[in-house]
């Protein structure tokens, strides 16, 4: 059985975030978020109905790989 802390960690990484949150995480503008997504510099967003979100886990992996 997994510990409660591990489950919370997994849920946090699988969270979907907005372009505003992506911009804040990466210290870039919203316009740059969309430009980078278009050219493949960041992970592709997920479309949910009329909303677009990014997987936090994808962005965290991208940050780790860039270090």
PDB file of N, CA and C in Angstrom:
ATOM      1  N   UNK A   1       0.831  -1.173   0.000  1.00  0.00           N
ATOM      2  CA  UNK A   1       0.000   0.000   0.000  1.00  0.00           C
ATOM      3  C   UNK A   1       0.883   1.246   0.000  1.00  0.00           C
ATOM      4  N   UNK A   2       0.566   2.227  -0.859  1.00  0.00           N
ATOM      5  CA  UNK A   2       1.350   3.448  -0.960  1.00  0.00           C
ATOM      6  C   UNK A   2       1.050   4.369   0.206  1.00  0.00           C
ATOM      7  N   UNK A   3       2.071   5.119   0.585  1.00  0.00           N
ATOM      8  CA  UNK A   3       1.849   6.081   1.662  1.00  0.00           C
ATOM      9  C   UNK A   3       1.062   7.266   1.135  1.00  0.00           C
ATOM     10  N   UNK A   4       0.409   7.950   2.036  1.00  0.00           N
ATOM     11  CA  UNK A   4      -0.405   9.108   1.688  1.00  0.00           C
ATOM     12  C   UNK A   4       0.438  10.185   1.011  1.00  0.00           C
ATOM     13  N   UNK A   5       1.661  10.398   1.476  1.00  0.00           N
ATOM     14  CA  UNK A   5       2.549  11.417   0.915  1.00  0.00           C
ATOM     15  C   UNK A   5       2.878  11.110  -0.546  1.00  0.00           C
ATOM     16  N   UNK A   6       3.127   9.852  -0.875  1.00  0.00           N
ATOM     17  CA  UNK A   6       3.425   9.480  -2.259  1.00  0.00           C
ATOM     18  C   UNK A   6       2.239   9.727  -3.173  1.00  0.00           C
ATOM     19  N   UNK A   7       1.046   9.437  -2.710  1.00  0.00           N
ATOM     20  CA  UNK A   7      -0.159   9.651  -3.513  1.00  0.00           C
ATOM     21  C   UNK A   7      -0.342  11.144  -3.783  1.00  0.00           C
ATOM     22  N   UNK A   8      -0.140  11.982  -2.770  1.00  0.00           N
ATOM     23  CA  UNK A   8      -0.258  13.427  -2.961  1.00  0.00           C
ATOM     24  C   UNK A   8       0.772  13.921  -3.967  1.00  0.00           C
ATOM     25  N   UNK A   9       1.997  13.417  -3.908  1.00  0.00           N
ATOM     26  CA  UNK A   9       3.051  13.807  -4.836  1.00  0.00           C
ATOM     27  C   UNK A   9       2.665  13.442  -6.262  1.00  0.00           C
ATOM     28  N   UNK A  10       2.176  12.247  -6.468  1.00  0.00           N
ATOM     29  CA  UNK A  10       1.758  11.807  -7.801  1.00  0.00           C
ATOM     30  C   UNK A  10       0.610  12.669  -8.304  1.00  0.00           C
ATOM     31  N   UNK A  11      -0.377  12.927  -7.473  1.00  0.00           N
ATOM     32  CA  UNK A  11      -1.503  13.762  -7.885  1.00  0.00           C
ATOM     33  C   UNK A  11      -1.054  15.157  -8.268  1.00  0.00           C
ATOM     34  N   UNK A  12      -0.109  15.724  -7.539  1.00  0.00           N
ATOM     35  CA  UNK A  12       0.390  17.070  -7.840  1.00  0.00           C
ATOM     36  C   UNK A  12       1.087  17.095  -9.198  1.00  0.00           C
ATOM     37  N   UNK A  13       1.887  16.082  -9.501  1.00  0.00           N
ATOM     38  CA  UNK A  13       2.583  16.054 -10.785  1.00  0.00           C
ATOM     39  C   UNK A  13       1.634  15.830 -11.951  1.00  0.00           C
ATOM     40  N   UNK A  14       0.528  15.155 -11.735  1.00  0.00           N
ATOM     41  CA  UNK A  14      -0.420  14.889 -12.802  1.00  0.00           C
ATOM     42  C   UNK A  14      -1.434  16.023 -12.980  1.00  0.00           C
ATOM     43  N   UNK A  15      -1.263  17.071 -12.198  1.00  0.00           N
ATOM     44  CA  UNK A  15      -2.179  18.201 -12.256  1.00  0.00           C
ATOM     45  C   UNK A  15      -2.071  18.897 -13.608  1.00  0.00           C
ATOM     46  N   UNK A  16      -3.190  19.386 -14.107  1.00  0.00           N
ATOM     47  CA  UNK A  16      -3.215  20.154 -15.343  1.00  0.00           C
ATOM     48  C   UNK A  16      -3.210  21.635 -14.986  1.00  0.00           C
ATOM     49  N   UNK A  17      -2.357  22.408 -15.672  1.00  0.00           N
ATOM     50  CA  UNK A  17      -2.239  23.823 -15.349  1.00  0.00           C
ATOM     51  C   UNK A  17      -2.501  24.700 -16.578  1.00  0.00           C
ATOM     52  N   UNK A  18      -2.871  25.940 -16.319  1.00  0.00           N
ATOM     53  CA  UNK A  18      -3.208  26.898 -17.376  1.00  0.00           C
ATOM     54  C   UNK A  18      -1.956  27.534 -17.969  1.00  0.00           C
ATOM     55  N   UNK A  19      -2.166  28.254 -19.060  1.00  0.00           N
ATOM     56  CA  UNK A  19      -1.048  28.983 -19.667  1.00  0.00           C
ATOM     57  C   UNK A  19      -0.475  30.034 -18.715  1.00  0.00           C
ATOM     58  N   UNK A  20      -1.328  30.621 -17.889  1.00  0.00           N
ATOM     59  CA  UNK A  20      -0.861  31.594 -16.895  1.00  0.00           C
ATOM     60  C   UNK A  20       0.076  30.912 -15.904  1.00  0.00           C
ATOM     61  N   UNK A  21      -0.292  29.720 -15.439  1.00  0.00           N
ATOM     62  CA  UNK A  21       0.534  28.980 -14.490  1.00  0.00           C
ATOM     63  C   UNK A  21       1.835  28.500 -15.138  1.00  0.00           C
ATOM     64  N   UNK A  22       1.756  28.095 -16.419  1.00  0.00           N
ATOM     65  CA  UNK A  22       2.967  27.682 -17.137  1.00  0.00           C
ATOM     66  C   UNK A  22       3.926  28.861 -17.246  1.00  0.00           C
ATOM     67  N   UNK A  23       3.389  30.013 -17.598  1.00  0.00           N
ATOM     68  CA  UNK A  23       4.216  31.215 -17.725  1.00  0.00           C
ATOM     69  C   UNK A  23       4.905  31.538 -16.402  1.00  0.00           C
ATOM     70  N   UNK A  24       4.170  31.446 -15.319  1.00  0.00           N
ATOM     71  CA  UNK A  24       4.751  31.726 -14.008  1.00  0.00           C
ATOM     72  C   UNK A  24       5.824  30.696 -13.660  1.00  0.00           C
ATOM     73  N   UNK A  25       5.550  29.419 -13.906  1.00  0.00           N
ATOM     74  CA  UNK A  25       6.501  28.349 -13.610  1.00  0.00           C
ATOM     75  C   UNK A  25       7.811  28.543 -14.358  1.00  0.00           C
ATOM     76  N   UNK A  26       7.729  28.949 -15.624  1.00  0.00           N
ATOM     77  CA  UNK A  26       8.912  29.074 -16.473  1.00  0.00           C
ATOM     78  C   UNK A  26       9.474  30.497 -16.526  1.00  0.00           C
ATOM     79  N   UNK A  27       8.816  31.413 -15.842  1.00  0.00           N
ATOM     80  CA  UNK A  27       9.225  32.833 -15.832  1.00  0.00           C
ATOM     81  C   UNK A  27       9.282  33.412 -17.245  1.00  0.00           C
ATOM     82  N   UNK A  28       8.206  33.158 -17.981  1.00  0.00           N
ATOM     83  CA  UNK A  28       8.070  33.681 -19.338  1.00  0.00           C
ATOM     84  C   UNK A  28       6.676  34.283 -19.470  1.00  0.00           C
ATOM     85  N   UNK A  29       6.424  34.946 -20.578  1.00  0.00           N
ATOM     86  CA  UNK A  29       5.098  35.526 -20.817  1.00  0.00           C
ATOM     87  C   UNK A  29       4.137  34.463 -21.348  1.00  0.00           C
ATOM     88  N   UNK A  30       2.852  34.768 -21.262  1.00  0.00           N
ATOM     89  CA  UNK A  30       1.853  33.852 -21.832  1.00  0.00           C
ATOM     90  C   UNK A  30       2.063  33.700 -23.331  1.00  0.00           C
ATOM     91  N   UNK A  31       2.418  34.783 -23.994  1.00  0.00           N
ATOM     92  CA  UNK A  31       2.662  34.729 -25.433  1.00  0.00           C
ATOM     93  C   UNK A  31       3.799  33.770 -25.755  1.00  0.00           C
ATOM     94  N   UNK A  32       4.838  33.779 -24.925  1.00  0.00           N
ATOM     95  CA  UNK A  32       5.964  32.871 -25.128  1.00  0.00           C
ATOM     96  C   UNK A  32       5.548  31.429 -24.886  1.00  0.00           C
ATOM     97  N   UNK A  33       4.680  31.194 -23.923  1.00  0.00           N
ATOM     98  CA  UNK A  33       4.157  29.831 -23.696  1.00  0.00           C
ATOM     99  C   UNK A  33       3.551  29.304 -24.982  1.00  0.00           C
ATOM    100  N   UNK A  34       2.683  30.075 -25.596  1.00  0.00           N
ATOM    101  CA  UNK A  34       2.004  29.634 -26.825  1.00  0.00           C
ATOM    102  C   UNK A  34       2.981  29.500 -27.982  1.00  0.00           C
ATOM    103  N   UNK A  35       3.923  30.427 -28.084  1.00  0.00           N
ATOM    104  CA  UNK A  35       4.918  30.352 -29.153  1.00  0.00           C
ATOM    105  C   UNK A  35       5.774  29.099 -29.002  1.00  0.00           C
ATOM    106  N   UNK A  36       6.241  28.825 -27.768  1.00  0.00           N
ATOM    107  CA  UNK A  36       7.054  27.630 -27.523  1.00  0.00           C
ATOM    108  C   UNK A  36       6.260  26.355 -27.774  1.00  0.00           C
ATOM    109  N   UNK A  37       4.986  26.344 -27.389  1.00  0.00           N
ATOM    110  CA  UNK A  37       4.154  25.158 -27.631  1.00  0.00           C
ATOM    111  C   UNK A  37       4.008  24.914 -29.133  1.00  0.00           C
ATOM    112  N   UNK A  38       3.850  25.984 -29.880  1.00  0.00           N
ATOM    113  CA  UNK A  38       3.670  25.867 -31.341  1.00  0.00           C
ATOM    114  C   UNK A  38       4.904  25.283 -32.024  1.00  0.00           C
ATOM    115  N   UNK A  39       6.102  25.650 -31.528  1.00  0.00           N
ATOM    116  CA  UNK A  39       7.331  25.163 -32.167  1.00  0.00           C
ATOM    117  C   UNK A  39       7.875  23.903 -31.506  1.00  0.00           C
ATOM    118  N   UNK A  40       7.182  23.407 -30.464  1.00  0.00           N
ATOM    119  CA  UNK A  40       7.590  22.163 -29.820  1.00  0.00           C
ATOM    120  C   UNK A  40       8.670  22.315 -28.765  1.00  0.00           C
ATOM    121  N   UNK A  41       8.922  23.527 -28.307  1.00  0.00           N
ATOM    122  CA  UNK A  41       9.944  23.736 -27.276  1.00  0.00           C
ATOM    123  C   UNK A  41       9.472  23.286 -25.901  1.00  0.00           C
ATOM    124  N   UNK A  42       8.160  23.310 -25.686  1.00  0.00           N
ATOM    125  CA  UNK A  42       7.572  22.748 -24.465  1.00  0.00           C
ATOM    126  C   UNK A  42       6.551  21.699 -24.868  1.00  0.00           C
ATOM    127  N   UNK A  43       6.146  20.917 -23.910  1.00  0.00           N
ATOM    128  CA  UNK A  43       5.186  19.843 -24.154  1.00  0.00           C
ATOM    129  C   UNK A  43       3.898  20.386 -24.772  1.00  0.00           C
ATOM    130  N   UNK A  44       3.278  19.573 -25.574  1.00  0.00           N
ATOM    131  CA  UNK A  44       2.005  19.956 -26.168  1.00  0.00           C
ATOM    132  C   UNK A  44       0.926  20.020 -25.098  1.00  0.00           C
ATOM    133  N   UNK A  45       0.027  20.975 -25.216  1.00  0.00           N
ATOM    134  CA  UNK A  45      -1.058  21.063 -24.243  1.00  0.00           C
ATOM    135  C   UNK A  45      -2.122  20.001 -24.491  1.00  0.00           C
ATOM    136  N   UNK A  46      -2.972  19.836 -23.498  1.00  0.00           N
ATOM    137  CA  UNK A  46      -4.099  18.915 -23.568  1.00  0.00           C
ATOM    138  C   UNK A  46      -5.354  19.750 -23.763  1.00  0.00           C
ATOM    139  N   UNK A  47      -6.179  19.382 -24.714  1.00  0.00           N
ATOM    140  CA  UNK A  47      -7.431  20.094 -24.957  1.00  0.00           C
ATOM    141  C   UNK A  47      -8.559  19.379 -24.221  1.00  0.00           C
ATOM    142  N   UNK A  48      -9.298  20.126 -23.423  1.00  0.00           N
ATOM    143  CA  UNK A  48     -10.439  19.595 -22.669  1.00  0.00           C
ATOM    144  C   UNK A  48     -11.643  20.475 -22.955  1.00  0.00           C
ATOM    145  N   UNK A  49     -12.492  20.018 -23.866  1.00  0.00           N
ATOM    146  CA  UNK A  49     -13.618  20.855 -24.254  1.00  0.00           C
ATOM    147  C   UNK A  49     -13.097  22.147 -24.851  1.00  0.00           C
ATOM    148  N   UNK A  50     -13.476  23.284 -24.266  1.00  0.00           N
ATOM    149  CA  UNK A  50     -13.003  24.569 -24.743  1.00  0.00           C
ATOM    150  C   UNK A  50     -11.770  25.072 -24.012  1.00  0.00           C
ATOM    151  N   UNK A  51     -11.156  24.236 -23.179  1.00  0.00           N
ATOM    152  CA  UNK A  51      -9.997  24.649 -22.386  1.00  0.00           C
ATOM    153  C   UNK A  51      -8.725  23.973 -22.871  1.00  0.00           C
ATOM    154  N   UNK A  52      -7.618  24.624 -22.623  1.00  0.00           N
ATOM    155  CA  UNK A  52      -6.311  24.069 -22.941  1.00  0.00           C
ATOM    156  C   UNK A  52      -5.480  24.090 -21.672  1.00  0.00           C
ATOM    157  N   UNK A  53      -4.868  22.968 -21.365  1.00  0.00           N
ATOM    158  CA  UNK A  53      -4.057  22.843 -20.152  1.00  0.00           C
ATOM    159  C   UNK A  53      -2.791  22.066 -20.472  1.00  0.00           C
ATOM    160  N   UNK A  54      -1.788  22.233 -19.600  1.00  0.00           N
ATOM    161  CA  UNK A  54      -0.527  21.494 -19.707  1.00  0.00           C
ATOM    162  C   UNK A  54      -0.397  20.571 -18.515  1.00  0.00           C
ATOM    163  N   UNK A  55       0.186  19.396 -18.742  1.00  0.00           N
ATOM    164  CA  UNK A  55       0.461  18.473 -17.642  1.00  0.00           C
ATOM    165  C   UNK A  55       1.682  18.979 -16.887  1.00  0.00           C
ATOM    166  N   UNK A  56       1.523  19.197 -15.598  1.00  0.00           N
ATOM    167  CA  UNK A  56       2.633  19.651 -14.770  1.00  0.00           C
ATOM    168  C   UNK A  56       3.786  18.654 -14.837  1.00  0.00           C
ATOM    169  N   UNK A  57       3.469  17.373 -14.886  1.00  0.00           N
ATOM    170  CA  UNK A  57       4.524  16.348 -14.940  1.00  0.00           C
ATOM    171  C   UNK A  57       5.381  16.495 -16.195  1.00  0.00           C
ATOM    172  N   UNK A  58       4.782  16.839 -17.330  1.00  0.00           N
ATOM    173  CA  UNK A  58       5.545  17.045 -18.568  1.00  0.00           C
ATOM    174  C   UNK A  58       6.498  18.230 -18.430  1.00  0.00           C
ATOM    175  N   UNK A  59       5.998  19.297 -17.824  1.00  0.00           N
ATOM    176  CA  UNK A  59       6.816  20.493 -17.660  1.00  0.00           C
ATOM    177  C   UNK A  59       7.940  20.268 -16.654  1.00  0.00           C
ATOM    178  N   UNK A  60       7.644  19.546 -15.574  1.00  0.00           N
ATOM    179  CA  UNK A  60       8.668  19.231 -14.580  1.00  0.00           C
ATOM    180  C   UNK A  60       9.781  18.387 -15.211  1.00  0.00           C
ATOM    181  N   UNK A  61       9.411  17.435 -16.046  1.00  0.00           N
ATOM    182  CA  UNK A  61      10.391  16.584 -16.736  1.00  0.00           C
ATOM    183  C   UNK A  61      11.258  17.439 -17.674  1.00  0.00           C
ATOM    184  N   UNK A  62      10.628  18.363 -18.390  1.00  0.00           N
ATOM    185  CA  UNK A  62      11.350  19.246 -19.298  1.00  0.00           C
ATOM    186  C   UNK A  62      12.366  20.095 -18.531  1.00  0.00           C
ATOM    187  N   UNK A  63      11.974  20.595 -17.374  1.00  0.00           N
ATOM    188  CA  UNK A  63      12.878  21.413 -16.546  1.00  0.00           C
ATOM    189  C   UNK A  63      14.047  20.572 -16.063  1.00  0.00           C
ATOM    190  N   UNK A  64      13.765  19.351 -15.590  1.00  0.00           N
ATOM    191  CA  UNK A  64      14.839  18.460 -15.102  1.00  0.00           C
ATOM    192  C   UNK A  64      15.840  18.143 -16.223  1.00  0.00           C
ATOM    193  N   UNK A  65      15.323  17.881 -17.416  1.00  0.00           N
ATOM    194  CA  UNK A  65      16.197  17.517 -18.538  1.00  0.00           C
ATOM    195  C   UNK A  65      17.043  18.695 -19.015  1.00  0.00           C
ATOM    196  N   UNK A  66      16.576  19.903 -18.771  1.00  0.00           N
ATOM    197  CA  UNK A  66      17.306  21.097 -19.203  1.00  0.00           C
ATOM    198  C   UNK A  66      18.433  21.459 -18.239  1.00  0.00           C
ATOM    199  N   UNK A  67      18.398  20.921 -17.042  1.00  0.00           N
ATOM    200  CA  UNK A  67      19.429  21.266 -16.028  1.00  0.00           C
ATOM    201  C   UNK A  67      20.738  20.588 -16.294  1.00  0.00           C
TER     202      UNK A  67
END
